[in-house]
Amino acid sequence: MLTSIIRPAVRAGLLTVKQRRIGTCVPAVTRRSLIGLHFRTKTTNATLHDGPLNSAHLTIRARRGKAGASNQGKVWVSAEEAVKDLQSGSLILSAGFGLCGTAETIIGAIRGRPELKDLTVVSNNAGDNGKAGLAPLVTSRQISKIILSYVGTNKGLEKAYLAGEIAMELCPQGSIAERLRAGGNGVPGFYTRTGANTLMETGGIPQKLASPVEDGSEQTVLIPGVRKEVREFDGKKYLFEPAIRGDVAILRAWKVDRVGNCVFRYTTKAFAGLAARAAKLTIVEAENIVEVGDISPMDVDLPGIYVDRIVPATVQKKTEIITLKEDDSSASSSMPTMDKDAARIRREKIAKRAAQELKDGFYCNLGVGMPVLAASFLPDGVKVWLQSENGILGMGPYPTRDEVDPDLINAGKETVTLMPGASVFDSSESFGMIRGGHVDVSVLGAMEVSASGDLANYMIPGKLVKGPGGAMDLISNPDETTVIVVTDHLDKKGKPKVVQDCSLPLTGARCVSKIITDLAVFSVDRTGDGGLTLLELAEGVDLEHVKRNTACHFKVTDNLGSF
C-alpha cells in the first residue's frame, strides 16, 4: 500500500528520491525558489503600502488538499529535514509571545543552515538577549528585515538596528495580529484607529539606517518608514494596514495529530493560529504527536487544513521571566518601611492610588511594570477581571514555584495563574476586545504625558527603541475605554514627565483621561481645549512643590484631596 502511494508521488515530483529511499511519504516543496518580499509601493518621504505584504511568486505543490492527505504524509522525521528546501529571501511568520510558544526546534534548524540568508521575519517580538527565540537568527545575520511590535529585552536587535545592520518595521501588536488574520482570510487589509496621529501614520520611523558616522552627525536613512493611507470615518481618523501573507509559518503546539489538527496550551495561542493561516507552508513542532481521533473535534484550536509539516519538538521550552508569589511572611504588611527601597515605596504609593480607579466588576488591562501592581491593592470586596493582551481574560496572581507553567505568562512575559472563570484566546480576539471598547479601564506607564492627554511611552529616537507593543491599541478607543497613566512625576534626570507638549514620539494623541504620579493626581481635558486639573496631592507634598516640578500650567479643583 505504501509503495502504491510513493511511486506515483515520485513520478509526479511530490517526493524526492531520498524520501523514497527512507520509506516515508513526505511532501516536498517545488524546486522553484521561495521569493521573499514582493509588494507594490509608492515612495514619497516614506514608503506607502499599496497592497498586502506577501510573496506572490511562491508555488508549493505539496500544499493542502493535494500531497500529504494521507495520515502519514505530514509527519517529518526532524526539523532539519523539514527546512531543507527553505530558500533565502523567504518571508517567515514566527509565532510566539516572548519565549512562550516559539518554535525553538525549527529556529535551531534554520540557524543550522547558515547559507539561508536575507530572511524577512514577522513576529510579535524577536526573542531575548541571549540564545532563545529569534535571537540566534539576528546574531547570525540571517534576518535582513524584521516586522515586529516589541524589541523588548533583545539588546542585540536594538543595537543592530541603530548600527544600520538590520531593517526593522515597528507595527502595533494588535495590527500585526489583524494583518495576519486578514492575510489568512484573503482580505487585502483593514482600517484601524491604532497608530493615528503618531509616527506610524507618517512613516516617521526609518526602517533602516546607514552606519553611524564617526563625527556624530545624524545618520542617513536608507529605507524610510512606512507611511499609511488615511481615511476618515464618523469624524475619526483611521489608518489602512495591509494584510500579511507569508511563505512559511513556524510554530509550536502542545498536541498535534497526524493530519495536522493542533491543540495549543494557554497563552501559546497568541499568534500560532494566525501565523499558520496566513502562510503558504506551515511547519509545526509538536510536543506530542498523536494518532488521528485522539483529539476531540471540540478541542482542536487549528484545523489540519492549515498545517503542512509536523516535526517533533526536541528543544525544551523556555520561560523568559519567572515571577513568583511572595511568601506570606515576607510580604506581610507589618514589614518595616526601612526594608523597602525608595523606588519601591514610590511605586506602591502610585499603584495603591490607581487601584481606587478599578471598580467592582470592571474589565481592566494593566500595563507592564507599575500598572499591574494596582491589582495587588484592590479594596476588600472589589473583584475585577484582568485582561492581558497576549490572550487572557481573568488573569490571576503570580504562581508559587510549583505552579509555574511556561505556557502561561502575562504581557510582561512574567509567569502568572488564572482565576476561576478565566478564558484564553489568540491575539486577534484579544485586540478585538481592546479596540472595540469592551475593556473598561486601561492603565499604562509613560515617558511623557501632555496637558492635552497625549502619551509617549515607547521610544527615544537614536537611543532607545522598545516598540509600541500593545500600547497603541490599548489607547485607540478612549471614548469607550478610560485611559489612566501611572508614572513617576520626574524622570531619572529630575526632569518633569508631565509636560505641555510631548517631545518624544507619541503613542497616542488626546487619549489620557487621568494622570497619577507619586506627587499628584490630575484629570485631563482631552476632548475640549486641553489642560489639567489638580485633584489630589500626595501626603506630605505641597502645591508649590507640584508647580515647580510640572512643566505645564494646571488648574486646582476647589475640593483638593489627598492620597
Protein backbone atom coordinates (compact mmCIF):
# COMPACT_ATOMS: atom_id res chain seq x y z
CA MET A 1 0.00 0.00 0.00
CA LEU A 2 2.82 2.37 0.94
CA THR A 3 4.64 1.60 -2.33
CA SER A 4 1.49 2.37 -4.31
CA ILE A 5 1.45 5.81 -2.69
CA ILE A 6 5.16 6.53 -3.04
CA ARG A 7 5.79 5.59 -6.67
CA PRO A 8 3.10 7.83 -8.22
CA ALA A 9 4.19 10.60 -5.87
CA VAL A 10 7.79 10.34 -7.05
CA ARG A 11 6.74 10.37 -10.70
CA ALA A 12 4.61 13.43 -10.04
CA GLY A 13 7.55 15.19 -8.41
CA LEU A 14 5.92 15.33 -5.00
CA LEU A 15 8.61 13.23 -3.30
CA THR A 16 12.37 13.38 -3.55
CA VAL A 17 14.41 10.24 -4.28
CA LYS A 18 15.88 10.46 -0.77
CA GLN A 19 12.42 10.46 0.77
CA ARG A 20 11.51 7.40 -1.29
CA ARG A 21 14.61 5.58 -0.01
CA ILE A 22 13.80 6.23 3.65
CA GLY A 23 10.27 4.98 3.02
CA THR A 24 8.30 7.98 4.26
CA CYS A 25 5.59 9.74 2.34
CA VAL A 26 6.79 13.29 2.97
CA PRO A 27 5.64 16.18 0.78
CA ALA A 28 8.41 18.14 -0.87
CA VAL A 29 8.36 21.78 -1.89
CA THR A 30 8.78 22.54 -5.56
CA ARG A 31 12.30 23.50 -6.56
CA ARG A 32 11.08 26.89 -7.60
CA SER A 33 12.64 29.44 -5.23
CA LEU A 34 10.76 30.93 -2.34
CA ILE A 35 10.70 34.54 -3.42
CA GLY A 36 10.77 36.95 -0.49
CA LEU A 37 9.21 40.32 -0.02
CA HIS A 38 7.27 41.50 -3.08
CA PHE A 39 4.63 44.21 -2.86
CA ARG A 40 3.85 47.38 -4.71
CA THR A 41 4.93 50.62 -3.10
CA LYS A 42 4.78 54.32 -3.70
CA THR A 43 7.59 56.37 -2.23
CA THR A 44 7.45 59.97 -1.15
CA ASN A 45 9.18 60.79 2.12
CA ALA A 46 8.17 57.38 3.35
CA THR A 47 7.02 54.08 1.90
CA LEU A 48 3.27 53.69 1.39
CA HIS A 49 1.89 50.16 1.43
CA ASP A 50 -0.39 49.78 -1.57
CA GLY A 51 -1.38 46.19 -1.06
CA PRO A 52 -0.85 43.08 1.04
CA LEU A 53 2.62 42.15 2.20
CA ASN A 54 3.22 38.80 0.58
CA SER A 55 5.37 36.67 -1.67
CA ALA A 56 3.36 36.44 -4.83
CA HIS A 57 5.57 34.03 -6.79
CA LEU A 58 5.79 31.12 -4.34
CA THR A 59 4.31 27.87 -5.57
CA ILE A 60 4.14 24.87 -3.26
CA ARG A 61 2.96 21.70 -4.93
CA ALA A 62 2.65 19.81 -1.68
CA ARG A 63 0.01 22.25 -0.50
CA ARG A 64 -3.08 21.43 1.47
CA GLY A 65 -5.52 19.04 -0.07
CA LYS A 66 -3.00 17.53 -2.52
CA ALA A 67 0.07 15.66 -1.28
CA GLY A 68 0.13 15.00 2.43
CA ALA A 69 -3.51 13.99 2.56
CA SER A 70 -2.69 10.56 3.98
CA ASN A 71 -2.35 10.01 7.71
CA GLN A 72 1.44 9.71 7.43
CA GLY A 73 2.08 12.40 4.87
CA LYS A 74 2.58 15.39 7.13
CA VAL A 75 4.91 13.95 9.77
CA TRP A 76 8.61 14.55 9.14
CA VAL A 77 11.46 12.87 10.96
CA SER A 78 13.09 16.12 12.10
CA ALA A 79 13.03 19.88 11.84
CA GLU A 80 16.33 19.74 9.93
CA GLU A 81 14.66 17.68 7.18
CA ALA A 82 11.58 19.91 7.15
CA VAL A 83 13.55 23.12 6.50
CA LYS A 84 15.99 21.75 3.91
CA ASP A 85 14.11 23.29 0.99
CA LEU A 86 13.57 26.74 2.51
CA GLN A 87 15.21 29.37 0.35
CA SER A 88 16.98 32.65 1.02
CA GLY A 89 14.72 35.65 0.65
CA SER A 90 11.73 33.92 2.25
CA LEU A 91 9.10 35.73 4.29
CA ILE A 92 8.74 33.79 7.54
CA LEU A 93 5.91 34.15 10.06
CA SER A 94 7.21 33.20 13.50
CA ALA A 95 4.61 32.52 16.19
CA GLY A 96 5.10 33.03 19.89
CA PHE A 97 4.90 35.77 22.50
CA GLY A 98 8.18 36.40 24.26
CA LEU A 99 9.52 32.85 24.50
CA CYS A 100 6.05 31.39 25.05
CA GLY A 101 5.07 29.23 22.08
CA THR A 102 8.15 29.97 19.97
CA ALA A 103 9.30 27.25 17.58
CA GLU A 104 12.71 26.75 19.21
CA THR A 105 13.38 23.45 17.43
CA ILE A 106 12.64 24.86 13.97
CA ILE A 107 14.54 28.09 14.65
CA GLY A 108 17.53 25.97 15.62
CA ALA A 109 17.26 24.03 12.37
CA ILE A 110 17.18 27.27 10.36
CA ARG A 111 20.19 28.52 12.33
CA GLY A 112 21.92 25.30 11.28
CA ARG A 113 21.68 26.43 7.65
CA PRO A 114 23.99 29.49 7.61
CA GLU A 115 23.65 29.76 3.83
CA LEU A 116 19.96 30.62 4.34
CA LYS A 117 20.03 34.42 4.39
CA ASP A 118 18.12 37.60 3.54
CA LEU A 119 15.10 36.44 5.52
CA THR A 120 12.23 38.76 6.32
CA VAL A 121 10.56 37.68 9.56
CA VAL A 122 7.22 38.75 11.01
CA SER A 123 6.85 38.17 14.75
CA ASN A 124 5.48 39.94 17.79
CA ASN A 125 9.00 40.17 19.20
CA ALA A 126 12.47 38.82 18.47
CA GLY A 127 13.42 36.66 21.42
CA ASP A 128 15.57 37.52 24.40
CA ASN A 129 19.05 38.95 24.67
CA GLY A 130 20.65 35.51 24.59
CA LYS A 131 20.06 32.35 22.61
CA ALA A 132 16.30 31.91 22.65
CA GLY A 133 13.50 32.85 20.27
CA LEU A 134 14.64 34.61 17.11
CA ALA A 135 17.78 35.99 18.80
CA PRO A 136 20.09 33.37 17.18
CA LEU A 137 18.91 34.35 13.69
CA VAL A 138 19.51 38.02 14.50
CA THR A 139 23.05 37.43 15.73
CA SER A 140 23.84 35.16 12.76
CA ARG A 141 22.59 37.93 10.45
CA GLN A 142 20.34 35.53 8.58
CA ILE A 143 17.47 38.00 9.12
CA SER A 144 17.77 41.11 6.97
CA LYS A 145 14.43 42.62 7.97
CA ILE A 146 12.05 42.07 10.85
CA ILE A 147 8.48 43.31 11.30
CA LEU A 148 7.55 43.30 14.97
CA SER A 149 5.76 45.20 17.72
CA TYR A 150 8.25 44.98 20.55
CA VAL A 151 12.03 44.80 20.74
CA GLY A 152 11.92 44.23 24.49
CA THR A 153 14.98 42.69 26.10
CA ASN A 154 16.73 41.89 22.82
CA LYS A 155 19.56 44.40 23.14
CA GLY A 156 21.32 42.75 20.20
CA LEU A 157 18.46 43.61 17.85
CA GLU A 158 18.20 47.16 19.17
CA LYS A 159 21.94 47.64 18.72
CA ALA A 160 21.92 46.11 15.23
CA TYR A 161 19.08 48.41 14.13
CA LEU A 162 20.73 51.56 15.47
CA ALA A 163 24.01 50.48 13.81
CA GLY A 164 22.30 50.09 10.43
CA GLU A 165 22.88 46.33 10.31
CA ILE A 166 19.23 45.22 10.09
CA ALA A 167 15.97 46.69 8.79
CA MET A 168 13.10 46.88 11.23
CA GLU A 169 9.46 47.87 10.77
CA LEU A 170 7.66 48.59 14.03
CA CYS A 171 3.97 47.73 13.95
CA PRO A 172 1.48 47.76 16.86
CA GLN A 173 0.82 44.34 18.30
CA GLY A 174 -2.88 44.30 17.54
CA SER A 175 -2.24 45.47 13.99
CA ILE A 176 0.22 42.61 13.39
CA ALA A 177 -2.40 40.15 14.65
CA GLU A 178 -5.10 41.63 12.44
CA ARG A 179 -2.79 41.82 9.40
CA LEU A 180 -2.08 38.12 9.79
CA ARG A 181 -5.78 37.37 10.23
CA ALA A 182 -6.56 39.34 7.07
CA GLY A 183 -3.83 37.51 5.15
CA GLY A 184 -5.20 34.14 6.18
CA ASN A 185 -8.74 35.16 5.25
CA GLY A 186 -7.88 36.51 1.81
CA VAL A 187 -8.70 40.10 2.83
CA PRO A 188 -6.35 42.78 1.41
CA GLY A 189 -6.24 44.86 4.58
CA PHE A 190 -8.28 46.88 7.05
CA TYR A 191 -8.66 50.34 8.61
CA THR A 192 -7.87 50.96 12.26
CA ARG A 193 -7.57 53.90 14.67
CA THR A 194 -4.45 52.33 16.14
CA GLY A 195 -1.42 54.50 15.37
CA ALA A 196 -3.35 57.56 14.18
CA ASN A 197 -1.56 60.87 14.84
CA THR A 198 1.72 59.07 15.50
CA LEU A 199 4.85 58.22 13.53
CA MET A 200 3.09 55.02 12.48
CA GLU A 201 0.83 57.20 10.36
CA THR A 202 3.51 59.38 8.81
CA GLY A 203 6.24 56.77 8.37
CA GLY A 204 8.49 58.73 10.67
CA ILE A 205 10.39 55.72 12.00
CA PRO A 206 13.04 54.66 9.44
CA GLN A 207 13.09 51.00 8.51
CA LYS A 208 16.84 51.03 8.01
CA LEU A 209 19.62 53.46 8.91
CA ALA A 210 23.07 53.86 7.46
CA SER A 211 26.01 53.00 9.69
CA PRO A 212 26.73 55.73 12.26
CA VAL A 213 29.39 58.24 11.26
CA GLU A 214 32.36 58.96 13.49
CA ASP A 215 31.75 62.71 13.78
CA GLY A 216 28.41 62.02 15.49
CA SER A 217 26.27 63.70 12.82
CA GLU A 218 22.78 62.44 12.06
CA GLN A 219 22.54 59.02 10.43
CA THR A 220 21.32 58.76 6.85
CA VAL A 221 18.01 56.97 6.32
CA LEU A 222 18.48 54.16 3.81
CA ILE A 223 14.91 52.86 3.86
CA PRO A 224 12.21 55.27 5.05
CA GLY A 225 9.34 54.32 7.30
CA VAL A 226 6.01 53.06 6.03
CA ARG A 227 3.54 55.92 5.53
CA LYS A 228 -0.08 54.82 5.89
CA GLU A 229 -3.10 55.69 3.84
CA VAL A 230 -5.51 57.72 5.98
CA ARG A 231 -9.31 57.89 5.75
CA GLU A 232 -11.95 59.41 7.97
CA PHE A 233 -14.98 57.52 9.26
CA ASP A 234 -17.57 59.09 11.56
CA GLY A 235 -15.31 62.08 12.05
CA LYS A 236 -12.36 59.96 13.24
CA LYS A 237 -9.06 59.21 11.55
CA TYR A 238 -8.27 55.64 10.52
CA LEU A 239 -5.11 54.10 9.03
CA PHE A 240 -5.03 51.40 6.39
CA GLU A 241 -2.99 48.34 7.37
CA PRO A 242 -2.19 45.84 4.59
CA ALA A 243 -2.60 42.11 5.08
CA ILE A 244 0.45 39.93 5.65
CA ARG A 245 0.82 36.74 3.68
CA GLY A 246 3.97 34.71 4.33
CA ASP A 247 5.95 32.00 2.61
CA VAL A 248 6.48 29.86 5.70
CA ALA A 249 4.96 29.84 9.20
CA ILE A 250 6.79 28.24 12.13
CA LEU A 251 5.01 27.48 15.38
CA ARG A 252 4.88 25.14 18.37
CA ALA A 253 1.89 23.15 19.60
CA TRP A 254 1.25 21.03 22.66
CA LYS A 255 -0.53 18.25 20.78
CA VAL A 256 -0.83 17.54 17.03
CA ASP A 257 -2.40 14.56 15.31
CA ARG A 258 -1.08 13.08 12.08
CA VAL A 259 -3.41 15.10 9.86
CA GLY A 260 -2.29 18.36 11.47
CA ASN A 261 -5.04 19.23 13.95
CA CYS A 262 -3.37 21.28 16.69
CA VAL A 263 -4.03 22.00 20.35
CA PHE A 264 -2.30 24.99 21.96
CA ARG A 265 -1.93 25.47 25.71
CA TYR A 266 -2.89 28.76 27.37
CA THR A 267 -1.00 31.80 26.03
CA THR A 268 0.82 29.84 23.31
CA LYS A 269 -2.36 30.55 21.33
CA ALA A 270 -1.37 34.22 20.86
CA PHE A 271 -0.02 34.14 17.30
CA ALA A 272 0.15 30.42 16.48
CA GLY A 273 -3.11 30.00 14.58
CA LEU A 274 -2.85 33.44 12.99
CA ALA A 275 0.60 32.72 11.56
CA ALA A 276 -0.40 29.27 10.32
CA ARG A 277 -3.45 30.55 8.46
CA ALA A 278 -1.50 33.34 6.75
CA ALA A 279 1.32 31.20 5.33
CA LYS A 280 1.69 29.19 2.15
CA LEU A 281 3.59 26.49 4.03
CA THR A 282 3.16 25.81 7.75
CA ILE A 283 5.63 23.82 9.82
CA VAL A 284 4.59 22.97 13.37
CA GLU A 285 6.78 21.41 16.03
CA ALA A 286 4.75 19.18 18.30
CA GLU A 287 5.41 18.31 21.91
CA ASN A 288 3.08 15.34 21.44
CA ILE A 289 2.28 13.69 18.09
CA VAL A 290 -0.86 11.59 18.44
CA GLU A 291 -2.99 9.39 16.24
CA VAL A 292 -5.97 10.62 14.27
CA GLY A 293 -9.02 10.62 16.54
CA ASP A 294 -7.06 11.16 19.75
CA ILE A 295 -8.02 14.85 19.73
CA SER A 296 -11.68 15.62 20.25
CA PRO A 297 -13.10 17.84 17.50
CA MET A 298 -14.17 20.30 20.20
CA ASP A 299 -10.56 20.63 21.39
CA VAL A 300 -9.00 21.49 18.03
CA ASP A 301 -7.54 25.02 18.05
CA LEU A 302 -6.14 24.88 14.50
CA PRO A 303 -7.64 22.52 11.87
CA GLY A 304 -5.23 20.38 9.92
CA ILE A 305 -6.03 22.12 6.63
CA TYR A 306 -3.63 24.88 7.69
CA VAL A 307 -0.72 22.55 8.58
CA ASP A 308 1.70 21.03 6.05
CA ARG A 309 4.60 19.60 8.04
CA ILE A 310 4.81 18.24 11.56
CA VAL A 311 8.12 17.70 13.34
CA PRO A 312 8.88 16.54 16.87
CA ALA A 313 9.78 19.31 19.32
CA THR A 314 13.22 18.40 20.66
CA VAL A 315 14.22 21.68 22.31
CA GLN A 316 12.86 22.26 25.79
CA LYS A 317 10.56 25.26 26.07
CA LYS A 318 11.87 28.23 27.99
CA THR A 319 10.45 30.74 30.45
CA GLU A 320 11.66 34.29 29.96
CA ILE A 321 10.76 35.75 33.38
CA ILE A 322 9.86 33.53 36.32
CA THR A 323 7.96 35.72 38.78
CA LEU A 324 6.72 34.04 41.94
CA LYS A 325 4.11 34.90 44.52
CA GLU A 326 5.73 36.49 47.57
CA ASP A 327 5.78 34.33 50.65
CA ASP A 328 3.13 35.49 53.10
CA SER A 329 5.70 36.02 55.81
CA SER A 330 7.94 38.17 53.63
CA ALA A 331 5.02 40.07 52.15
CA SER A 332 3.45 40.93 55.50
CA SER A 333 2.01 44.42 55.79
CA SER A 334 3.93 44.75 59.05
CA MET A 335 7.25 44.72 57.20
CA PRO A 336 9.31 47.73 58.37
CA THR A 337 9.39 50.58 55.86
CA MET A 338 13.17 50.70 56.08
CA ASP A 339 13.33 47.27 54.38
CA LYS A 340 11.85 48.75 51.21
CA ASP A 341 13.89 50.97 48.93
CA ALA A 342 12.62 54.41 47.97
CA ALA A 343 11.70 53.35 44.42
CA ARG A 344 9.51 50.51 45.66
CA ILE A 345 7.76 52.74 48.18
CA ARG A 346 7.08 55.28 45.43
CA ARG A 347 5.76 52.64 43.02
CA GLU A 348 3.48 51.11 45.62
CA LYS A 349 2.07 54.52 46.56
CA ILE A 350 1.14 55.15 42.93
CA ALA A 351 -0.28 51.64 42.50
CA LYS A 352 -2.44 51.95 45.64
CA ARG A 353 -3.97 55.16 44.32
CA ALA A 354 -4.51 53.63 40.87
CA ALA A 355 -6.35 50.70 42.46
CA GLN A 356 -9.08 53.12 43.55
CA GLU A 357 -9.96 53.66 39.87
CA LEU A 358 -10.75 49.95 39.40
CA LYS A 359 -14.38 49.38 40.31
CA ASP A 360 -16.09 46.12 41.17
CA GLY A 361 -16.87 44.10 38.03
CA PHE A 362 -14.65 46.16 35.73
CA TYR A 363 -12.73 44.58 32.86
CA CYS A 364 -9.26 46.10 33.09
CA ASN A 365 -5.98 45.97 31.23
CA LEU A 366 -3.00 46.80 33.42
CA GLY A 367 0.25 47.53 31.60
CA VAL A 368 3.67 46.07 32.26
CA GLY A 369 5.52 47.18 35.41
CA MET A 370 3.92 49.68 37.75
CA PRO A 371 0.36 49.46 36.33
CA VAL A 372 0.00 45.74 37.07
CA LEU A 373 0.85 46.39 40.75
CA ALA A 374 -2.53 48.07 41.15
CA ALA A 375 -4.21 44.66 41.22
CA SER A 376 -2.39 43.90 44.47
CA PHE A 377 -4.06 46.82 46.27
CA LEU A 378 -7.75 46.37 45.42
CA PRO A 379 -10.07 47.19 48.34
CA ASP A 380 -11.79 44.29 50.09
CA GLY A 381 -14.87 43.13 48.23
CA VAL A 382 -13.74 44.53 44.86
CA LYS A 383 -13.24 41.99 42.09
CA VAL A 384 -12.07 42.99 38.63
CA TRP A 385 -11.38 40.93 35.52
CA LEU A 386 -7.81 41.46 34.34
CA GLN A 387 -7.26 41.27 30.61
CA SER A 388 -3.77 40.60 29.27
CA GLU A 389 -3.27 41.44 25.60
CA ASN A 390 -1.44 38.19 24.88
CA GLY A 391 -4.72 36.35 25.34
CA ILE A 392 -6.03 36.14 28.92
CA LEU A 393 -9.28 37.32 30.48
CA GLY A 394 -9.32 36.56 34.17
CA MET A 395 -5.61 36.72 34.93
CA GLY A 396 -4.69 35.68 38.45
CA PRO A 397 -1.74 36.37 40.77
CA TYR A 398 1.84 35.22 40.30
CA PRO A 399 2.31 31.47 40.84
CA THR A 400 4.07 29.55 43.57
CA ARG A 401 7.16 27.71 42.39
CA ASP A 402 5.10 24.52 41.97
CA GLU A 403 2.53 26.36 39.84
CA VAL A 404 4.97 27.84 37.29
CA ASP A 405 3.92 26.99 33.73
CA PRO A 406 6.00 28.27 30.76
CA ASP A 407 2.83 28.27 28.65
CA LEU A 408 1.08 30.76 30.91
CA ILE A 409 2.53 34.29 31.01
CA ASN A 410 1.28 37.88 31.08
CA ALA A 411 2.03 40.72 28.66
CA GLY A 412 5.24 41.45 30.58
CA LYS A 413 6.43 37.85 29.90
CA GLU A 414 6.02 37.03 33.60
CA THR A 415 4.60 33.76 34.86
CA VAL A 416 1.01 34.06 36.13
CA THR A 417 -2.02 31.99 37.10
CA LEU A 418 -5.68 32.07 36.09
CA MET A 419 -8.74 32.95 38.17
CA PRO A 420 -11.83 30.72 38.22
CA GLY A 421 -13.91 31.71 35.20
CA ALA A 422 -10.89 32.76 33.13
CA SER A 423 -10.57 32.25 29.38
CA VAL A 424 -7.66 32.19 26.94
CA PHE A 425 -7.65 33.11 23.25
CA ASP A 426 -5.48 34.38 20.42
CA SER A 427 -4.22 37.92 19.86
CA SER A 428 -6.81 38.78 17.23
CA GLU A 429 -9.59 38.06 19.73
CA SER A 430 -7.70 39.93 22.45
CA PHE A 431 -7.24 43.10 20.47
CA GLY A 432 -10.80 42.95 19.20
CA MET A 433 -11.83 43.32 22.85
CA ILE A 434 -9.43 46.23 23.22
CA ARG A 435 -10.10 48.21 20.04
CA GLY A 436 -13.81 47.51 20.30
CA GLY A 437 -14.04 49.31 23.63
CA HIS A 438 -15.04 46.27 25.66
CA VAL A 439 -12.34 46.96 28.27
CA ASP A 440 -13.47 49.47 30.90
CA VAL A 441 -10.09 50.82 32.03
CA SER A 442 -6.58 50.67 30.62
CA VAL A 443 -3.68 51.66 32.90
CA LEU A 444 -0.30 52.39 31.28
CA GLY A 445 3.08 53.84 32.16
CA ALA A 446 4.63 56.87 30.46
CA MET A 447 7.87 58.51 29.45
CA GLU A 448 5.92 61.73 28.92
CA VAL A 449 2.26 62.76 29.14
CA SER A 450 0.95 66.13 27.97
CA ALA A 451 -1.62 68.62 29.23
CA SER A 452 -3.97 67.62 26.40
CA GLY A 453 -3.72 63.88 27.10
CA ASP A 454 -1.03 62.90 24.59
CA LEU A 455 1.03 59.88 25.64
CA ALA A 456 4.62 58.91 24.76
CA ASN A 457 5.96 55.64 26.13
CA TYR A 458 7.79 53.50 23.56
CA MET A 459 10.98 55.06 22.21
CA ILE A 460 13.68 57.71 22.43
CA PRO A 461 14.92 58.35 18.87
CA GLY A 462 18.52 57.32 18.36
CA LYS A 463 18.89 55.93 21.88
CA LEU A 464 16.09 53.61 22.96
CA VAL A 465 13.86 51.57 20.67
CA LYS A 466 11.44 49.36 22.58
CA GLY A 467 8.48 49.43 20.21
CA PRO A 468 4.80 50.12 20.93
CA GLY A 469 3.81 46.56 21.80
CA GLY A 470 0.09 46.68 22.52
CA ALA A 471 0.05 50.23 23.90
CA MET A 472 -1.15 51.96 20.72
CA ASP A 473 -4.10 49.57 20.56
CA LEU A 474 -4.87 50.00 24.25
CA ILE A 475 -5.33 53.76 23.87
CA SER A 476 -7.02 53.66 20.43
CA ASN A 477 -10.61 53.93 21.71
CA PRO A 478 -10.51 56.39 24.65
CA ASP A 479 -14.20 57.28 24.23
CA GLU A 480 -15.12 53.75 25.39
CA THR A 481 -12.06 52.74 27.45
CA THR A 482 -10.82 55.12 30.14
CA VAL A 483 -7.04 55.53 29.82
CA ILE A 484 -5.12 56.23 33.03
CA VAL A 485 -1.39 56.94 33.17
CA VAL A 486 0.67 56.00 36.22
CA THR A 487 4.21 57.34 36.36
CA ASP A 488 6.90 58.93 38.48
CA HIS A 489 6.48 62.69 38.36
CA LEU A 490 10.14 63.16 37.40
CA ASP A 491 12.42 61.05 35.21
CA LYS A 492 15.79 59.70 36.32
CA LYS A 493 17.45 63.01 35.46
CA GLY A 494 14.97 65.01 37.52
CA LYS A 495 13.03 66.35 34.52
CA PRO A 496 9.22 66.60 34.60
CA LYS A 497 7.32 63.86 32.79
CA VAL A 498 4.06 65.86 32.91
CA VAL A 499 4.58 68.45 30.18
CA GLN A 500 2.74 70.94 27.98
CA ASP A 501 3.62 69.06 24.78
CA CYS A 502 5.41 65.74 24.40
CA SER A 503 8.87 65.92 22.83
CA LEU A 504 9.08 62.13 22.31
CA PRO A 505 7.22 60.15 19.62
CA LEU A 506 3.55 59.78 20.54
CA THR A 507 1.89 56.52 21.42
CA GLY A 508 -1.44 58.29 21.03
CA ALA A 509 -2.96 61.77 20.91
CA ARG A 510 -5.64 63.08 23.28
CA CYS A 511 -6.17 59.66 24.81
CA VAL A 512 -5.37 60.04 28.53
CA SER A 513 -8.16 60.93 30.98
CA LYS A 514 -6.29 60.80 34.29
CA ILE A 515 -2.66 61.02 35.45
CA ILE A 516 -1.48 59.52 38.75
CA THR A 517 2.08 60.24 39.92
CA ASP A 518 3.94 59.96 43.20
CA LEU A 519 3.15 63.66 43.82
CA ALA A 520 -0.35 64.28 42.49
CA VAL A 521 -3.48 63.18 40.64
CA PHE A 522 -4.68 65.18 37.61
CA SER A 523 -7.76 64.96 35.42
CA VAL A 524 -7.22 65.73 31.73
CA ASP A 525 -9.48 67.69 29.41
CA ARG A 526 -8.64 65.58 26.36
CA THR A 527 -11.75 66.40 24.30
CA GLY A 528 -12.03 70.16 24.87
CA ASP A 529 -9.40 72.87 24.89
CA GLY A 530 -6.95 70.71 26.80
CA GLY A 531 -5.46 71.30 30.20
CA LEU A 532 -5.01 69.62 33.56
CA THR A 533 -6.89 69.98 36.81
CA LEU A 534 -5.14 69.01 40.03
CA LEU A 535 -7.47 66.73 42.03
CA GLU A 536 -5.26 65.39 44.81
CA LEU A 537 -1.86 65.87 46.40
CA ALA A 538 0.21 63.07 47.87
CA GLU A 539 0.54 63.19 51.65
CA GLY A 540 3.44 65.43 52.64
CA VAL A 541 3.54 67.22 49.26
CA ASP A 542 2.55 70.89 48.96
CA LEU A 543 1.09 72.69 45.97
CA GLU A 544 4.19 74.78 45.26
CA HIS A 545 6.33 71.65 45.02
CA VAL A 546 4.00 70.22 42.37
CA LYS A 547 4.00 73.51 40.45
CA ARG A 548 7.81 73.60 40.38
CA ASN A 549 8.01 70.04 39.09
CA THR A 550 5.28 70.15 36.45
CA ALA A 551 6.18 71.51 33.02
CA CYS A 552 2.75 72.93 32.21
CA HIS A 553 0.06 75.11 33.73
CA PHE A 554 -2.77 73.40 35.57
CA LYS A 555 -5.94 74.35 37.41
CA VAL A 556 -6.64 73.36 41.01
CA THR A 557 -10.00 71.88 42.00
CA ASP A 558 -11.96 73.62 44.73
CA ASN A 559 -12.07 70.42 46.80
CA LEU A 560 -8.41 69.42 46.70
CA GLY A 561 -7.98 65.94 48.15
CA SER A 562 -5.00 63.85 49.28
CA PHE A 563 -3.78 60.28 48.98
